[in-house]
Amino acid sequence: LLSLLCLGDCQQHTSCGIQKCTTDFVSFTSHLNAALQDFDLEFCKALRAYSACTYRNSKVCRGNLVYHSAVLGISDLMTQRNCTKDGPTASTNPEMAHDPCIYSGHTEAREHQGGEKTAPLTYLFCGLFGDPHLRTFNDHFQTCKVEGAWPLIDNKYLSVQVTNVPVVPGSSATATNKITIIFKSYQDCTDQKVYQAVADNLPAAFVDGTTSGGDGNTRSLHIVERVNGKYIEVYARYIGTTVYIRQLGHYLTLAIRMPQELVMAYEESQDLQLCVNGCPSSERIDQSGHLPLPVMGKLLPWGAAVHPRSGYTLETATTKCHEKMLVKDIYFYSCIFDLLTTGDANFTAAAHSALQDVEALHPSKEHWHIFPGSGGGGVGRSTKFFVSLGLLCLSLVAYL
């Protein structure tokens, strides 16, 4: 795409309108979010408008190399996106075409008066799955108890609350069995909408029975059911936010992608947000991202039997998790931890799906994997682990 945006060179050819065509195309597409369901549709509209603009300037730009490069580039992009030549096009006035219910940044302006563009929008990711394991907006990984109802997110635009219940009798291990999301009313884009999922009831509608908010044509807020009763996606276009919710076994997982400036739009009284600040230290099971395996007794050799409730040894749990996840990152070790804690193989699928959600929603590919040896649970390539794969650590007596 950069080959199309030769604005500096285009300025040398004032008689040719290719610069205006390119500038309009950038305006049409700058607000689009590749994570949204209708991205290809809107991108194709912009490409058709770009193509029509170049056609109108074909005679005056006949000898302009930048013009011909743009034409070739448009053709390539239309092929890559499977765009048809005939179809709707973006408005010829990109300033008027901007939809206020499609998020493009809620700062006063995305450009300075002199035309200099501000920094591109930054998106953040948070996820919760398993026993439960939390990946915060800062890419810190924690494992927590947090029994009962806790706020994951609570800001001006969105509130997400999860309820965690004990998984194993006599243990403080918990997992999520209820998720409540409040999409707060916003201008003319949507009225307040509440979504609620509980174990064995993952609806494809808000609590009022609707599947969308705002104008039915723009669908600024809508739910898409991917697997009946097992997996839904919620797209809140007006705040640039995407939410995935899954049911695996009898428990729920959640993944969310949201613009940084909206994540930080909260009052001082709303500081208890697990996705923003992590779990309180008194609720954490891990130690700076490291997961102590729940085994009984003192230091034991590799492969020693774990608590009989789980039915797994460290070796069998490792083998089971390795079937789904080849990379030995924190998701892999979380899988082992959950199997040893609960004996429930559904937690293997939960860890695997959580990583898939990261790959779908997290904006930085280099940060998809978190490795336990990277200090405070951040991103790294170290293969060190709290149990070091050759030696088991002391059991968490208070945990089991």
Protein backbone atom coordinates (compact mmCIF):
# COMPACT_ATOMS: atom_id res chain seq x y z
CA LEU A 1 0.00 0.00 0.00
CA LEU A 2 2.89 2.35 0.71
CA SER A 3 3.76 2.26 -2.97
CA LEU A 4 0.43 3.98 -3.62
CA LEU A 5 0.94 6.76 -1.15
CA CYS A 6 3.68 8.70 -2.92
CA LEU A 7 2.21 12.01 -1.91
CA GLY A 8 5.47 13.89 -2.01
CA ASP A 9 6.20 12.86 -5.60
CA CYS A 10 2.60 13.49 -6.62
CA GLN A 11 2.89 17.11 -5.59
CA GLN A 12 5.31 17.63 -8.48
CA HIS A 13 2.49 16.90 -10.94
CA THR A 14 -0.09 19.57 -10.09
CA SER A 15 -1.97 19.07 -13.37
CA CYS A 16 -2.61 15.44 -12.49
CA GLY A 17 -5.29 14.69 -9.89
CA ILE A 18 -3.73 11.46 -8.59
CA GLN A 19 -2.69 13.14 -5.34
CA LYS A 20 -6.33 14.00 -4.52
CA CYS A 21 -7.41 10.45 -5.42
CA THR A 22 -4.81 8.99 -3.08
CA THR A 23 -5.55 11.44 -0.27
CA ASP A 24 -9.27 10.61 -0.47
CA PHE A 25 -8.50 6.88 -0.38
CA VAL A 26 -6.45 7.36 2.79
CA SER A 27 -9.32 9.34 4.33
CA PHE A 28 -11.81 6.63 3.40
CA THR A 29 -9.76 3.85 4.98
CA SER A 30 -7.99 5.48 7.95
CA HIS A 31 -10.89 4.76 10.31
CA LEU A 32 -11.41 1.14 9.26
CA ASN A 33 -10.62 -1.63 11.75
CA ALA A 34 -9.40 -4.92 10.26
CA ALA A 35 -10.88 -6.81 13.23
CA LEU A 36 -14.42 -5.81 12.27
CA GLN A 37 -16.62 -8.15 10.31
CA ASP A 38 -17.39 -5.71 7.46
CA PHE A 39 -13.81 -4.50 6.93
CA ASP A 40 -13.49 -6.07 3.45
CA LEU A 41 -16.82 -4.60 2.34
CA GLU A 42 -15.85 -1.06 3.32
CA PHE A 43 -12.30 -1.44 1.99
CA CYS A 44 -13.65 -2.57 -1.39
CA LYS A 45 -15.93 0.48 -1.50
CA ALA A 46 -12.91 2.71 -0.96
CA LEU A 47 -10.91 0.88 -3.66
CA ARG A 48 -13.74 1.31 -6.19
CA ALA A 49 -13.88 5.02 -5.41
CA TYR A 50 -10.09 5.20 -5.82
CA SER A 51 -10.31 3.38 -9.13
CA ALA A 52 -13.09 5.67 -10.39
CA CYS A 53 -11.03 8.72 -9.44
CA THR A 54 -8.00 7.46 -11.36
CA TYR A 55 -10.21 6.75 -14.39
CA ARG A 56 -11.49 10.34 -14.36
CA ASN A 57 -7.88 11.54 -14.40
CA SER A 58 -6.60 9.03 -16.95
CA LYS A 59 -6.07 11.56 -19.76
CA VAL A 60 -4.31 14.29 -17.78
CA CYS A 61 -2.21 11.75 -15.88
CA ARG A 62 -1.29 9.65 -18.92
CA GLY A 63 2.46 10.30 -18.61
CA ASN A 64 2.61 10.22 -14.82
CA LEU A 65 4.45 7.19 -13.42
CA VAL A 66 2.88 7.65 -9.98
CA TYR A 67 -0.55 7.49 -11.59
CA HIS A 68 0.27 4.21 -13.36
CA SER A 69 1.73 2.75 -10.16
CA ALA A 70 -1.48 3.64 -8.35
CA VAL A 71 -3.61 1.96 -11.04
CA LEU A 72 -1.55 -1.23 -10.77
CA GLY A 73 -1.65 -1.08 -6.98
CA ILE A 74 -5.43 -0.71 -6.95
CA SER A 75 -5.76 -3.74 -9.23
CA ASP A 76 -3.53 -5.81 -6.95
CA LEU A 77 -5.44 -4.78 -3.82
CA MET A 78 -8.79 -5.54 -5.43
CA THR A 79 -7.55 -9.02 -6.31
CA GLN A 80 -6.19 -9.61 -2.79
CA ARG A 81 -9.49 -8.54 -1.19
CA ASN A 82 -11.67 -10.30 -3.78
CA CYS A 83 -13.31 -6.97 -4.65
CA THR A 84 -15.63 -6.87 -7.66
CA LYS A 85 -15.19 -4.01 -10.11
CA ASP A 86 -18.90 -3.23 -10.00
CA GLY A 87 -20.53 -2.36 -6.71
CA PRO A 88 -21.05 0.45 -4.19
CA THR A 89 -18.31 3.04 -3.78
CA ALA A 90 -17.32 5.27 -0.89
CA SER A 91 -18.70 8.81 -0.84
CA THR A 92 -16.84 11.33 -2.98
CA ASN A 93 -16.53 13.53 0.12
CA PRO A 94 -14.57 11.61 2.74
CA GLU A 95 -15.10 14.32 5.36
CA MET A 96 -18.87 13.88 5.02
CA ALA A 97 -18.53 10.11 4.66
CA HIS A 98 -17.13 9.60 8.15
CA ASP A 99 -19.66 7.72 10.26
CA PRO A 100 -19.69 8.96 13.88
CA CYS A 101 -20.77 5.48 14.91
CA ILE A 102 -17.58 3.94 13.51
CA TYR A 103 -14.75 4.59 15.95
CA SER A 104 -11.82 6.55 14.58
CA GLY A 105 -10.54 8.10 17.77
CA HIS A 106 -12.41 10.13 20.35
CA THR A 107 -9.73 12.79 20.77
CA GLU A 108 -10.80 16.22 19.49
CA ALA A 109 -8.96 15.73 16.21
CA ARG A 110 -6.93 13.00 14.59
CA GLU A 111 -4.83 15.60 12.77
CA HIS A 112 -3.11 18.76 13.88
CA GLN A 113 -4.04 22.04 12.21
CA GLY A 114 -0.93 21.92 10.07
CA GLY A 115 -2.02 18.61 8.60
CA GLU A 116 0.46 16.51 10.55
CA LYS A 117 -1.12 13.22 11.56
CA THR A 118 -1.26 12.15 15.18
CA ALA A 119 0.11 8.79 16.28
CA PRO A 120 -1.93 5.84 14.99
CA LEU A 121 -4.61 4.42 17.24
CA THR A 122 -3.37 1.96 19.83
CA TYR A 123 -5.46 -1.09 20.72
CA LEU A 124 -5.09 -3.20 23.87
CA PHE A 125 -6.04 -6.80 24.63
CA CYS A 126 -7.32 -8.50 27.79
CA GLY A 127 -8.30 -12.13 28.28
CA LEU A 128 -9.63 -14.37 31.06
CA PHE A 129 -9.82 -18.16 30.95
CA GLY A 130 -9.32 -21.30 32.98
CA ASP A 131 -8.60 -21.35 36.68
CA PRO A 132 -8.83 -18.29 36.15
CA HIS A 133 -5.84 -16.94 34.26
CA LEU A 134 -5.80 -13.24 33.45
CA ARG A 135 -3.90 -11.44 30.72
CA THR A 136 -4.13 -7.72 31.46
CA PHE A 137 -4.15 -4.80 29.02
CA ASN A 138 -0.44 -4.41 29.90
CA ASP A 139 0.30 -7.98 28.77
CA HIS A 140 0.93 -9.11 32.34
CA PHE A 141 -0.14 -12.67 33.04
CA GLN A 142 -1.60 -13.64 36.41
CA THR A 143 -3.43 -16.56 37.97
CA CYS A 144 -5.93 -15.58 40.63
CA LYS A 145 -8.57 -16.88 43.05
CA VAL A 146 -11.04 -13.94 42.81
CA GLU A 147 -14.06 -15.94 43.93
CA GLY A 148 -17.40 -14.15 43.48
CA ALA A 149 -18.15 -11.11 41.29
CA TRP A 150 -15.25 -8.95 40.07
CA PRO A 151 -14.98 -6.09 37.54
CA LEU A 152 -12.75 -6.81 34.56
CA ILE A 153 -13.43 -3.43 32.92
CA ASP A 154 -15.32 -0.37 34.16
CA ASN A 155 -14.99 2.87 32.19
CA LYS A 156 -17.14 5.53 30.54
CA TYR A 157 -18.12 3.28 27.66
CA LEU A 158 -18.17 -0.28 28.92
CA SER A 159 -18.48 -2.40 32.05
CA VAL A 160 -17.53 -6.08 32.16
CA GLN A 161 -18.09 -8.13 35.31
CA VAL A 162 -17.25 -11.80 35.83
CA THR A 163 -18.35 -14.20 38.53
CA ASN A 164 -16.02 -17.02 39.54
CA VAL A 165 -17.04 -20.12 41.49
CA PRO A 166 -15.04 -22.95 43.13
CA VAL A 167 -14.07 -25.73 40.74
CA VAL A 168 -12.90 -28.45 43.13
CA PRO A 169 -14.52 -29.04 46.55
CA GLY A 170 -12.18 -28.05 49.35
CA SER A 171 -9.95 -25.99 47.04
CA SER A 172 -9.71 -22.27 46.39
CA ALA A 173 -9.41 -22.93 42.63
CA THR A 174 -12.13 -21.02 40.76
CA ALA A 175 -13.38 -20.58 37.20
CA THR A 176 -15.77 -18.19 35.48
CA ASN A 177 -19.43 -19.21 35.25
CA LYS A 178 -21.05 -15.81 34.58
CA ILE A 179 -20.19 -12.78 32.43
CA THR A 180 -22.16 -9.53 32.37
CA ILE A 181 -21.33 -6.76 29.89
CA ILE A 182 -22.96 -3.32 29.91
CA PHE A 183 -22.52 -1.33 26.70
CA LYS A 184 -23.33 2.18 27.87
CA SER A 185 -25.49 4.46 25.72
CA TYR A 186 -23.48 6.61 23.35
CA GLN A 187 -24.80 9.57 21.34
CA ASP A 188 -27.12 8.31 18.59
CA CYS A 189 -25.10 5.14 18.06
CA THR A 190 -26.71 2.88 20.66
CA ASP A 191 -28.93 2.82 23.70
CA GLN A 192 -27.59 1.02 26.74
CA LYS A 193 -27.41 -2.71 26.06
CA VAL A 194 -26.73 -5.50 28.54
CA TYR A 195 -25.34 -8.89 27.59
CA GLN A 196 -25.25 -11.74 30.07
CA ALA A 197 -23.92 -15.28 29.75
CA VAL A 198 -24.03 -17.97 32.41
CA ALA A 199 -22.78 -21.54 32.40
CA ASP A 200 -24.78 -23.64 29.92
CA ASN A 201 -26.58 -20.54 28.59
CA LEU A 202 -24.53 -18.52 26.10
CA PRO A 203 -27.17 -16.50 24.24
CA ALA A 204 -26.74 -14.81 20.87
CA ALA A 205 -28.78 -11.79 22.01
CA PHE A 206 -28.79 -9.05 24.60
CA VAL A 207 -31.00 -9.46 27.67
CA ASP A 208 -33.79 -7.49 25.94
CA GLY A 209 -33.89 -10.08 23.15
CA THR A 210 -32.30 -7.87 20.47
CA THR A 211 -29.09 -8.72 18.61
CA SER A 212 -27.98 -5.18 17.79
CA GLY A 213 -28.00 -1.62 19.08
CA GLY A 214 -28.52 1.70 17.34
CA ASP A 215 -29.63 1.99 13.74
CA GLY A 216 -30.27 -1.46 12.29
CA ASN A 217 -28.57 -0.40 9.04
CA THR A 218 -25.27 0.76 10.53
CA ARG A 219 -25.19 -2.01 13.18
CA SER A 220 -22.91 0.04 15.40
CA LEU A 221 -23.32 -2.70 18.02
CA HIS A 222 -24.19 -6.28 17.15
CA ILE A 223 -23.74 -9.92 18.16
CA VAL A 224 -22.57 -12.70 15.85
CA GLU A 225 -23.06 -16.33 16.87
CA ARG A 226 -20.20 -18.50 15.61
CA VAL A 227 -21.06 -21.80 17.35
CA ASN A 228 -24.56 -22.32 18.68
CA GLY A 229 -24.54 -21.98 22.45
CA LYS A 230 -20.74 -22.19 22.59
CA TYR A 231 -19.12 -19.14 20.98
CA ILE A 232 -20.28 -15.58 20.24
CA GLU A 233 -18.60 -12.39 19.10
CA VAL A 234 -19.77 -8.88 19.94
CA TYR A 235 -18.76 -5.95 17.73
CA ALA A 236 -19.12 -2.47 19.22
CA ARG A 237 -18.07 -0.41 16.21
CA TYR A 238 -18.82 2.95 17.83
CA ILE A 239 -16.08 2.32 20.40
CA GLY A 240 -13.82 0.16 18.21
CA THR A 241 -14.23 -2.80 20.56
CA THR A 242 -14.51 -6.52 19.89
CA VAL A 243 -15.43 -9.17 22.48
CA TYR A 244 -15.22 -12.96 22.18
CA ILE A 245 -17.03 -15.19 24.68
CA ARG A 246 -16.80 -18.97 24.70
CA GLN A 247 -18.20 -21.80 26.80
CA LEU A 248 -15.83 -24.75 27.25
CA GLY A 249 -17.08 -27.46 29.57
CA HIS A 250 -19.09 -25.77 32.29
CA TYR A 251 -17.09 -22.53 32.34
CA LEU A 252 -16.71 -19.36 30.26
CA THR A 253 -13.78 -17.52 28.70
CA LEU A 254 -13.56 -13.92 27.54
CA ALA A 255 -11.25 -11.98 25.24
CA ILE A 256 -11.53 -8.28 24.42
CA ARG A 257 -9.75 -5.78 22.19
CA MET A 258 -10.33 -2.07 22.92
CA PRO A 259 -8.70 1.27 22.02
CA GLN A 260 -6.22 2.44 24.65
CA GLU A 261 -7.72 5.90 24.99
CA LEU A 262 -11.10 4.38 25.89
CA VAL A 263 -9.57 1.83 28.26
CA MET A 264 -8.09 4.72 30.22
CA ALA A 265 -11.32 6.74 30.30
CA TYR A 266 -12.36 5.97 33.88
CA GLU A 267 -12.76 7.78 37.18
CA GLU A 268 -10.57 7.31 40.23
CA SER A 269 -13.37 5.37 41.91
CA GLN A 270 -13.26 2.82 39.07
CA ASP A 271 -9.68 1.72 39.73
CA LEU A 272 -10.59 -1.88 40.66
CA GLN A 273 -10.43 -3.30 37.16
CA LEU A 274 -8.68 -6.62 36.72
CA CYS A 275 -7.90 -5.97 33.04
CA VAL A 276 -6.28 -2.62 33.89
CA ASN A 277 -4.54 -3.19 37.24
CA GLY A 278 -4.51 -6.97 37.58
CA CYS A 279 -5.68 -8.96 40.57
CA PRO A 280 -5.06 -7.71 44.12
CA SER A 281 -1.92 -9.33 45.53
CA SER A 282 -3.98 -11.16 48.16
CA GLU A 283 -5.93 -12.88 45.37
CA ARG A 284 -2.97 -14.05 43.30
CA ILE A 285 -1.91 -17.67 43.11
CA ASP A 286 1.11 -17.20 40.84
CA GLN A 287 4.35 -15.53 41.83
CA SER A 288 5.22 -12.82 39.27
CA GLY A 289 3.74 -14.85 36.45
CA HIS A 290 5.21 -18.18 37.58
CA LEU A 291 2.74 -20.98 38.26
CA PRO A 292 3.49 -23.25 41.21
CA LEU A 293 2.07 -26.66 40.40
CA PRO A 294 -0.43 -27.97 42.94
CA VAL A 295 1.36 -31.07 44.20
CA MET A 296 1.51 -32.43 47.70
CA GLY A 297 4.53 -32.60 49.95
CA LYS A 298 7.94 -31.16 49.37
CA LEU A 299 10.23 -31.04 46.36
CA LEU A 300 9.48 -34.07 44.21
CA PRO A 301 11.12 -35.51 41.10
CA TRP A 302 9.64 -35.06 37.64
CA GLY A 303 6.67 -37.33 37.02
CA ALA A 304 5.74 -37.76 40.67
CA ALA A 305 2.06 -38.29 41.42
CA VAL A 306 0.03 -35.17 42.05
CA HIS A 307 -3.01 -34.79 44.25
CA PRO A 308 -5.22 -37.83 43.54
CA ARG A 309 -8.27 -35.66 42.85
CA SER A 310 -6.93 -34.59 39.48
CA GLY A 311 -6.15 -37.99 38.01
CA TYR A 312 -3.15 -36.50 36.18
CA THR A 313 0.55 -36.66 36.81
CA LEU A 314 2.81 -33.88 35.62
CA GLU A 315 3.91 -36.12 32.76
CA THR A 316 0.39 -37.05 31.58
CA ALA A 317 -0.82 -33.46 31.92
CA THR A 318 2.15 -32.22 29.89
CA THR A 319 1.43 -34.78 27.16
CA LYS A 320 -2.26 -33.83 27.08
CA CYS A 321 -1.53 -30.11 26.75
CA HIS A 322 1.16 -30.68 24.14
CA GLU A 323 -1.49 -32.23 21.88
CA LYS A 324 -3.11 -28.81 21.49
CA MET A 325 -0.21 -26.39 22.03
CA LEU A 326 3.25 -26.87 20.60
CA VAL A 327 4.78 -23.66 21.94
CA LYS A 328 5.72 -23.91 25.61
CA ASP A 329 4.46 -20.49 26.56
CA ILE A 330 2.36 -19.43 29.54
CA TYR A 331 -0.81 -20.80 27.91
CA PHE A 332 0.80 -24.23 27.71
CA TYR A 333 1.82 -24.13 31.37
CA SER A 334 -1.59 -22.79 32.37
CA CYS A 335 -3.10 -25.84 30.71
CA ILE A 336 -0.87 -28.12 32.79
CA PHE A 337 -1.70 -26.19 35.95
CA ASP A 338 -5.44 -26.49 35.34
CA LEU A 339 -5.31 -30.20 34.55
CA LEU A 340 -3.35 -30.94 37.72
CA THR A 341 -5.69 -28.75 39.75
CA THR A 342 -9.05 -29.90 38.39
CA GLY A 343 -8.58 -33.03 36.29
CA ASP A 344 -11.01 -31.46 33.78
CA ALA A 345 -9.76 -31.87 30.20
CA ASN A 346 -12.01 -29.00 29.05
CA PHE A 347 -9.42 -26.66 30.51
CA THR A 348 -7.04 -27.83 27.79
CA ALA A 349 -9.45 -26.54 25.15
CA ALA A 350 -9.88 -23.33 27.15
CA ALA A 351 -6.14 -22.60 27.12
CA HIS A 352 -5.89 -23.43 23.42
CA SER A 353 -8.89 -21.22 22.53
CA ALA A 354 -7.53 -18.39 24.68
CA LEU A 355 -4.34 -18.40 22.61
CA GLN A 356 -6.40 -18.45 19.40
CA ASP A 357 -8.28 -15.40 20.63
CA VAL A 358 -4.97 -13.64 21.30
CA GLU A 359 -3.90 -14.34 17.73
CA ALA A 360 -7.19 -12.98 16.41
CA LEU A 361 -7.44 -9.83 18.54
CA HIS A 362 -4.05 -8.85 19.94
CA PRO A 363 -2.60 -6.02 17.80
CA SER A 364 1.05 -7.07 18.12
CA LYS A 365 2.06 -10.44 16.74
CA GLU A 366 5.42 -10.32 18.53
CA HIS A 367 3.53 -10.20 21.84
CA TRP A 368 1.18 -13.12 21.25
CA HIS A 369 3.27 -15.52 23.31
CA ILE A 370 4.22 -14.85 26.91
CA PHE A 371 6.98 -16.96 28.41
CA PRO A 372 7.17 -17.61 32.17
CA GLY A 373 10.85 -16.78 32.52
CA SER A 374 10.42 -13.14 31.51
CA GLY A 375 10.28 -11.67 35.00
CA GLY A 376 6.92 -10.23 35.93
CA GLY A 377 4.93 -12.33 33.53
CA GLY A 378 5.64 -10.17 30.51
CA VAL A 379 6.66 -11.06 27.00
CA GLY A 380 9.91 -12.93 26.56
CA ARG A 381 11.66 -15.92 25.04
CA SER A 382 13.07 -17.55 28.16
CA THR A 383 12.15 -21.19 28.74
CA LYS A 384 12.71 -21.12 32.48
CA PHE A 385 9.69 -22.12 34.53
CA PHE A 386 8.94 -22.05 38.20
CA VAL A 387 8.93 -25.85 38.27
CA SER A 388 11.85 -25.91 35.79
CA LEU A 389 10.50 -29.04 34.08
CA GLY A 390 12.93 -31.15 36.01
CA LEU A 391 11.88 -30.40 39.52
CA LEU A 392 8.50 -29.72 41.14
CA CYS A 393 8.12 -26.79 43.48
CA LEU A 394 6.64 -26.79 46.92
CA SER A 395 2.89 -27.30 47.02
CA LEU A 396 0.50 -24.47 47.72
CA VAL A 397 -0.92 -25.80 50.96
CA ALA A 398 -3.36 -22.91 51.17
CA TYR A 399 -4.46 -23.50 47.59
CA LEU A 400 -5.45 -27.16 47.79
